[in-house]
Amino acid sequence: MNKRILMLAGDFVEDYEIMVPYQALLSVGFSVDVVCPDKKKGENIATAVHDFVGFQTYAELRGHNFVLNKSFDEVNLSDYDGLYVCGGRAPEYIRLNQKVLDYTRHFFEQNKPVAAICHGIQILTAANVVKGRTLTAYPAVGPEITLAGGIYKEIPVDQAITEHNLTTSPAWPGHPAILKEFYKLLGISIHG
């Protein structure tokens, strides 16, 4: 297939929201480079497991380590066909890195496919790329979408919204939906 995907992550990325799309994208033949600001190829990032266990919001438990396979400062954006933005707690702080915002803007300026899940949409709002777009996110991120000029739509957690080059989903139960849409945006179809 020779399609290359850039995946943005950081410490305490949600475990499923990095592991599942990373492995799914590899399984259909994509090359996936996972990067984190201020970290190099071979270094680990910690993941967190977010789950609903009777509280008003999710509980966070320590997940697995994920080994980065690309150094953040070695990214050449023209090498990539698409961007995947993971969720969890990482987006709230990696969005403070100017290069993360520049990387994100590149994909929108070039109209390349972008998938963002859960709190990953915080990177899109900080990059100022959601104005006038309809998208979804974890409900707590909804007000940020509205403040950034986007149109927040609350949908079932296992669904996705796709508009132009962007597909979004509220959380990890939406992996089948968001990945299916991302594949379409990348110009591939899978038949079973």
C-alpha atoms as a PDB file:
ATOM      1  CA  MET A   1       0.000   0.000   0.000  1.00  0.00           C
ATOM      2  CA  ASN A   2       2.919   2.353   0.767  1.00  0.00           C
ATOM      3  CA  LYS A   3       0.720   4.783   2.733  1.00  0.00           C
ATOM      4  CA  ARG A   4       2.443   6.450   5.656  1.00  0.00           C
ATOM      5  CA  ILE A   5       0.630   7.701   8.743  1.00  0.00           C
ATOM      6  CA  LEU A   6       1.923  10.075  11.391  1.00  0.00           C
ATOM      7  CA  MET A   7       0.502   9.365  14.854  1.00  0.00           C
ATOM      8  CA  LEU A   8       0.680  12.005  17.617  1.00  0.00           C
ATOM      9  CA  ALA A   9       0.896  10.768  21.203  1.00  0.00           C
ATOM     10  CA  GLY A  10       2.461  11.498  24.571  1.00  0.00           C
ATOM     11  CA  ASP A  11       2.702  10.215  28.109  1.00  0.00           C
ATOM     12  CA  PHE A  12      -0.652   9.012  29.421  1.00  0.00           C
ATOM     13  CA  VAL A  13      -2.198   8.639  26.000  1.00  0.00           C
ATOM     14  CA  GLU A  14      -5.220   6.363  26.424  1.00  0.00           C
ATOM     15  CA  ASP A  15      -3.960   2.791  26.064  1.00  0.00           C
ATOM     16  CA  TYR A  16      -6.623   1.549  23.628  1.00  0.00           C
ATOM     17  CA  GLU A  17      -6.527   4.820  21.685  1.00  0.00           C
ATOM     18  CA  ILE A  18      -2.913   4.257  20.695  1.00  0.00           C
ATOM     19  CA  MET A  19      -2.568   0.457  20.700  1.00  0.00           C
ATOM     20  CA  VAL A  20      -5.694  -0.422  18.685  1.00  0.00           C
ATOM     21  CA  PRO A  21      -5.342   2.085  15.806  1.00  0.00           C
ATOM     22  CA  TYR A  22      -1.577   1.552  15.607  1.00  0.00           C
ATOM     23  CA  GLN A  23      -1.979  -2.207  15.237  1.00  0.00           C
ATOM     24  CA  ALA A  24      -5.040  -1.929  12.984  1.00  0.00           C
ATOM     25  CA  LEU A  25      -3.275   0.447  10.589  1.00  0.00           C
ATOM     26  CA  LEU A  26      -0.229  -1.834  10.465  1.00  0.00           C
ATOM     27  CA  SER A  27      -2.451  -4.866   9.796  1.00  0.00           C
ATOM     28  CA  VAL A  28      -3.731  -3.397   6.525  1.00  0.00           C
ATOM     29  CA  GLY A  29      -0.259  -2.483   5.289  1.00  0.00           C
ATOM     30  CA  PHE A  30       0.273   1.113   6.383  1.00  0.00           C
ATOM     31  CA  SER A  31       3.561   2.372   7.789  1.00  0.00           C
ATOM     32  CA  VAL A  32       2.847   4.208  11.047  1.00  0.00           C
ATOM     33  CA  ASP A  33       5.310   6.543  12.747  1.00  0.00           C
ATOM     34  CA  VAL A  34       4.378   7.330  16.354  1.00  0.00           C
ATOM     35  CA  VAL A  35       5.966  10.481  17.766  1.00  0.00           C
ATOM     36  CA  CYS A  36       5.937  12.470  20.986  1.00  0.00           C
ATOM     37  CA  PRO A  37       7.398  15.954  21.549  1.00  0.00           C
ATOM     38  CA  ASP A  38      10.818  15.945  23.223  1.00  0.00           C
ATOM     39  CA  LYS A  39      11.220  12.188  22.794  1.00  0.00           C
ATOM     40  CA  LYS A  40      13.238  10.065  20.405  1.00  0.00           C
ATOM     41  CA  LYS A  41      12.809   6.765  18.597  1.00  0.00           C
ATOM     42  CA  GLY A  42      13.173   3.883  21.042  1.00  0.00           C
ATOM     43  CA  GLU A  43      11.980   5.824  24.089  1.00  0.00           C
ATOM     44  CA  ASN A  44       8.806   4.842  25.932  1.00  0.00           C
ATOM     45  CA  ILE A  45       5.639   6.722  26.612  1.00  0.00           C
ATOM     46  CA  ALA A  46       3.311   5.623  29.399  1.00  0.00           C
ATOM     47  CA  THR A  47      -0.294   4.829  28.584  1.00  0.00           C
ATOM     48  CA  ALA A  48      -3.378   5.134  30.779  1.00  0.00           C
ATOM     49  CA  VAL A  49      -6.523   3.031  30.832  1.00  0.00           C
ATOM     50  CA  HIS A  50      -9.694   5.107  31.077  1.00  0.00           C
ATOM     51  CA  ASP A  51     -12.784   3.249  32.225  1.00  0.00           C
ATOM     52  CA  PHE A  52     -16.172   3.979  33.737  1.00  0.00           C
ATOM     53  CA  VAL A  53     -16.503   2.180  37.065  1.00  0.00           C
ATOM     54  CA  GLY A  54     -19.301   4.032  38.831  1.00  0.00           C
ATOM     55  CA  PHE A  55     -17.934   7.573  39.119  1.00  0.00           C
ATOM     56  CA  GLN A  56     -19.239  10.694  37.361  1.00  0.00           C
ATOM     57  CA  THR A  57     -16.253  10.565  35.020  1.00  0.00           C
ATOM     58  CA  TYR A  58     -13.727   7.940  33.983  1.00  0.00           C
ATOM     59  CA  ALA A  59     -11.133   6.504  36.338  1.00  0.00           C
ATOM     60  CA  GLU A  60      -7.535   6.443  35.140  1.00  0.00           C
ATOM     61  CA  LEU A  61      -5.250   3.483  35.698  1.00  0.00           C
ATOM     62  CA  ARG A  62      -1.691   2.928  34.503  1.00  0.00           C
ATOM     63  CA  GLY A  63      -1.534   1.081  31.188  1.00  0.00           C
ATOM     64  CA  HIS A  64       1.307  -0.355  29.127  1.00  0.00           C
ATOM     65  CA  ASN A  65       4.467   1.300  27.891  1.00  0.00           C
ATOM     66  CA  PHE A  66       4.514   2.126  24.190  1.00  0.00           C
ATOM     67  CA  VAL A  67       7.848   2.320  22.363  1.00  0.00           C
ATOM     68  CA  LEU A  68       8.098   5.269  19.966  1.00  0.00           C
ATOM     69  CA  ASN A  69       9.326   4.322  16.501  1.00  0.00           C
ATOM     70  CA  LYS A  70      10.246   7.793  15.210  1.00  0.00           C
ATOM     71  CA  SER A  71      11.981  10.814  16.740  1.00  0.00           C
ATOM     72  CA  PHE A  72       9.704  13.845  16.922  1.00  0.00           C
ATOM     73  CA  ASP A  73      12.258  16.259  15.484  1.00  0.00           C
ATOM     74  CA  GLU A  74      12.990  14.006  12.487  1.00  0.00           C
ATOM     75  CA  VAL A  75       9.460  14.189  11.042  1.00  0.00           C
ATOM     76  CA  ASN A  76       9.260  15.283   7.396  1.00  0.00           C
ATOM     77  CA  LEU A  77       5.581  16.098   6.893  1.00  0.00           C
ATOM     78  CA  SER A  78       5.660  15.596   3.127  1.00  0.00           C
ATOM     79  CA  ASP A  79       6.388  11.893   3.767  1.00  0.00           C
ATOM     80  CA  TYR A  80       2.915  11.308   5.240  1.00  0.00           C
ATOM     81  CA  ASP A  81      -0.449  10.558   3.686  1.00  0.00           C
ATOM     82  CA  GLY A  82      -2.480  10.991   6.869  1.00  0.00           C
ATOM     83  CA  LEU A  83      -2.496  12.014  10.528  1.00  0.00           C
ATOM     84  CA  TYR A  84      -3.930  10.073  13.475  1.00  0.00           C
ATOM     85  CA  VAL A  85      -4.366  11.993  16.741  1.00  0.00           C
ATOM     86  CA  CYS A  86      -4.684   9.788  19.817  1.00  0.00           C
ATOM     87  CA  GLY A  87      -6.701  10.663  22.923  1.00  0.00           C
ATOM     88  CA  GLY A  88      -6.203  10.339  26.641  1.00  0.00           C
ATOM     89  CA  ARG A  89      -4.482  12.912  28.810  1.00  0.00           C
ATOM     90  CA  ALA A  90      -1.568  13.523  26.415  1.00  0.00           C
ATOM     91  CA  PRO A  91      -3.382  16.003  24.114  1.00  0.00           C
ATOM     92  CA  GLU A  92      -3.935  18.523  26.925  1.00  0.00           C
ATOM     93  CA  TYR A  93      -0.190  19.113  27.215  1.00  0.00           C
ATOM     94  CA  ILE A  94       1.335  18.161  23.845  1.00  0.00           C
ATOM     95  CA  ARG A  95      -0.922  20.814  22.278  1.00  0.00           C
ATOM     96  CA  LEU A  96       1.300  23.348  24.048  1.00  0.00           C
ATOM     97  CA  ASN A  97       4.135  22.363  21.701  1.00  0.00           C
ATOM     98  CA  GLN A  98       4.203  24.676  18.669  1.00  0.00           C
ATOM     99  CA  LYS A  99       5.489  21.940  16.342  1.00  0.00           C
ATOM    100  CA  VAL A 100       2.524  19.706  17.255  1.00  0.00           C
ATOM    101  CA  LEU A 101       0.216  22.514  16.141  1.00  0.00           C
ATOM    102  CA  ASP A 102       2.271  23.137  12.996  1.00  0.00           C
ATOM    103  CA  TYR A 103       2.253  19.419  12.143  1.00  0.00           C
ATOM    104  CA  THR A 104      -1.533  19.350  12.596  1.00  0.00           C
ATOM    105  CA  ARG A 105      -2.125  22.457  10.483  1.00  0.00           C
ATOM    106  CA  HIS A 106      -0.060  20.960   7.652  1.00  0.00           C
ATOM    107  CA  PHE A 107      -2.505  18.086   7.200  1.00  0.00           C
ATOM    108  CA  PHE A 108      -5.468  20.465   7.049  1.00  0.00           C
ATOM    109  CA  GLU A 109      -3.721  22.932   4.719  1.00  0.00           C
ATOM    110  CA  GLN A 110      -2.832  20.046   2.383  1.00  0.00           C
ATOM    111  CA  ASN A 111      -6.302  18.466   2.750  1.00  0.00           C
ATOM    112  CA  LYS A 112      -4.761  15.166   3.848  1.00  0.00           C
ATOM    113  CA  PRO A 113      -6.843  12.675   5.869  1.00  0.00           C
ATOM    114  CA  VAL A 114      -6.983  13.256   9.628  1.00  0.00           C
ATOM    115  CA  ALA A 115      -8.498  11.033  12.324  1.00  0.00           C
ATOM    116  CA  ALA A 116      -8.826  12.281  15.910  1.00  0.00           C
ATOM    117  CA  ILE A 117     -10.423  10.499  18.834  1.00  0.00           C
ATOM    118  CA  CYS A 118     -11.677  11.470  22.284  1.00  0.00           C
ATOM    119  CA  HIS A 119      -9.459  14.181  23.853  1.00  0.00           C
ATOM    120  CA  GLY A 120      -7.264  14.207  20.715  1.00  0.00           C
ATOM    121  CA  ILE A 121      -9.612  16.882  19.414  1.00  0.00           C
ATOM    122  CA  GLN A 122      -7.974  19.264  21.936  1.00  0.00           C
ATOM    123  CA  ILE A 123      -5.011  19.380  19.568  1.00  0.00           C
ATOM    124  CA  LEU A 124      -7.292  20.335  16.676  1.00  0.00           C
ATOM    125  CA  THR A 125      -8.934  23.146  18.659  1.00  0.00           C
ATOM    126  CA  ALA A 126      -5.538  24.501  19.749  1.00  0.00           C
ATOM    127  CA  ALA A 127      -4.318  24.348  16.125  1.00  0.00           C
ATOM    128  CA  ASN A 128      -7.371  26.404  15.103  1.00  0.00           C
ATOM    129  CA  VAL A 129      -8.489  23.979  12.389  1.00  0.00           C
ATOM    130  CA  VAL A 130     -12.101  23.215  13.418  1.00  0.00           C
ATOM    131  CA  LYS A 131     -13.837  26.493  12.551  1.00  0.00           C
ATOM    132  CA  GLY A 132     -17.063  25.776  10.675  1.00  0.00           C
ATOM    133  CA  ARG A 133     -16.580  22.002  10.823  1.00  0.00           C
ATOM    134  CA  THR A 134     -18.965  19.483  12.375  1.00  0.00           C
ATOM    135  CA  LEU A 135     -17.172  16.998  14.599  1.00  0.00           C
ATOM    136  CA  THR A 136     -17.385  15.045  17.819  1.00  0.00           C
ATOM    137  CA  ALA A 137     -15.157  14.326  20.800  1.00  0.00           C
ATOM    138  CA  TYR A 138     -15.346  13.164  24.376  1.00  0.00           C
ATOM    139  CA  PRO A 139     -18.253  15.278  25.730  1.00  0.00           C
ATOM    140  CA  ALA A 140     -15.998  17.258  28.099  1.00  0.00           C
ATOM    141  CA  VAL A 141     -14.168  18.592  25.003  1.00  0.00           C
ATOM    142  CA  GLY A 142     -17.418  19.781  23.377  1.00  0.00           C
ATOM    143  CA  PRO A 143     -17.198  23.312  24.813  1.00  0.00           C
ATOM    144  CA  GLU A 144     -13.667  23.678  23.395  1.00  0.00           C
ATOM    145  CA  ILE A 145     -14.934  22.784  19.930  1.00  0.00           C
ATOM    146  CA  THR A 146     -17.657  25.414  20.185  1.00  0.00           C
ATOM    147  CA  LEU A 147     -15.227  28.071  21.469  1.00  0.00           C
ATOM    148  CA  ALA A 148     -12.886  27.256  18.559  1.00  0.00           C
ATOM    149  CA  GLY A 149     -15.722  27.881  16.068  1.00  0.00           C
ATOM    150  CA  GLY A 150     -16.557  24.252  15.362  1.00  0.00           C
ATOM    151  CA  ILE A 151     -19.928  22.560  15.553  1.00  0.00           C
ATOM    152  CA  TYR A 152     -19.906  19.940  18.308  1.00  0.00           C
ATOM    153  CA  LYS A 153     -22.233  17.001  17.808  1.00  0.00           C
ATOM    154  CA  GLU A 154     -22.806  14.476  20.589  1.00  0.00           C
ATOM    155  CA  ILE A 155     -23.151  10.994  19.107  1.00  0.00           C
ATOM    156  CA  PRO A 156     -23.137   7.434  20.481  1.00  0.00           C
ATOM    157  CA  VAL A 157     -19.694   6.437  21.696  1.00  0.00           C
ATOM    158  CA  ASP A 158     -19.348   3.707  19.062  1.00  0.00           C
ATOM    159  CA  GLN A 159     -19.869   5.994  16.075  1.00  0.00           C
ATOM    160  CA  ALA A 160     -17.821   8.535  14.099  1.00  0.00           C
ATOM    161  CA  ILE A 161     -18.448  11.749  12.183  1.00  0.00           C
ATOM    162  CA  THR A 162     -16.648  12.432   8.923  1.00  0.00           C
ATOM    163  CA  GLU A 163     -16.594  15.805   7.195  1.00  0.00           C
ATOM    164  CA  HIS A 164     -14.223  16.573   4.328  1.00  0.00           C
ATOM    165  CA  ASN A 165     -10.757  15.273   5.313  1.00  0.00           C
ATOM    166  CA  LEU A 166     -11.565  14.808   9.036  1.00  0.00           C
ATOM    167  CA  THR A 167     -13.071  11.884  10.928  1.00  0.00           C
ATOM    168  CA  THR A 168     -13.674  11.980  14.683  1.00  0.00           C
ATOM    169  CA  SER A 169     -15.110   9.686  17.353  1.00  0.00           C
ATOM    170  CA  PRO A 170     -15.958  10.247  21.048  1.00  0.00           C
ATOM    171  CA  ALA A 171     -13.857   7.402  22.502  1.00  0.00           C
ATOM    172  CA  TRP A 172     -12.285   3.994  21.967  1.00  0.00           C
ATOM    173  CA  PRO A 173     -15.565   2.073  21.479  1.00  0.00           C
ATOM    174  CA  GLY A 174     -15.716   3.990  18.180  1.00  0.00           C
ATOM    175  CA  HIS A 175     -12.556   2.390  16.755  1.00  0.00           C
ATOM    176  CA  PRO A 176     -14.376   0.285  14.138  1.00  0.00           C
ATOM    177  CA  ALA A 177     -16.273   3.360  12.903  1.00  0.00           C
ATOM    178  CA  ILE A 178     -13.385   5.863  12.888  1.00  0.00           C
ATOM    179  CA  LEU A 179     -10.921   3.413  11.346  1.00  0.00           C
ATOM    180  CA  LYS A 180     -13.393   2.468   8.607  1.00  0.00           C
ATOM    181  CA  GLU A 181     -13.844   6.170   7.802  1.00  0.00           C
ATOM    182  CA  PHE A 182     -10.085   6.864   7.953  1.00  0.00           C
ATOM    183  CA  TYR A 183      -9.444   4.038   5.493  1.00  0.00           C
ATOM    184  CA  LYS A 184     -11.980   5.581   3.104  1.00  0.00           C
ATOM    185  CA  LEU A 185     -10.337   9.001   3.424  1.00  0.00           C
ATOM    186  CA  LEU A 186      -7.021   7.359   2.597  1.00  0.00           C
ATOM    187  CA  GLY A 187      -8.544   5.859  -0.534  1.00  0.00           C
ATOM    188  CA  ILE A 188      -8.656   2.204   0.422  1.00  0.00           C
ATOM    189  CA  SER A 189     -11.498  -0.216   0.966  1.00  0.00           C
ATOM    190  CA  ILE A 190     -11.436  -3.520   2.766  1.00  0.00           C
ATOM    191  CA  HIS A 191     -13.705  -6.301   1.604  1.00  0.00           C
ATOM    192  CA  GLY A 192     -14.403  -9.407   3.605  1.00  0.00           C
END
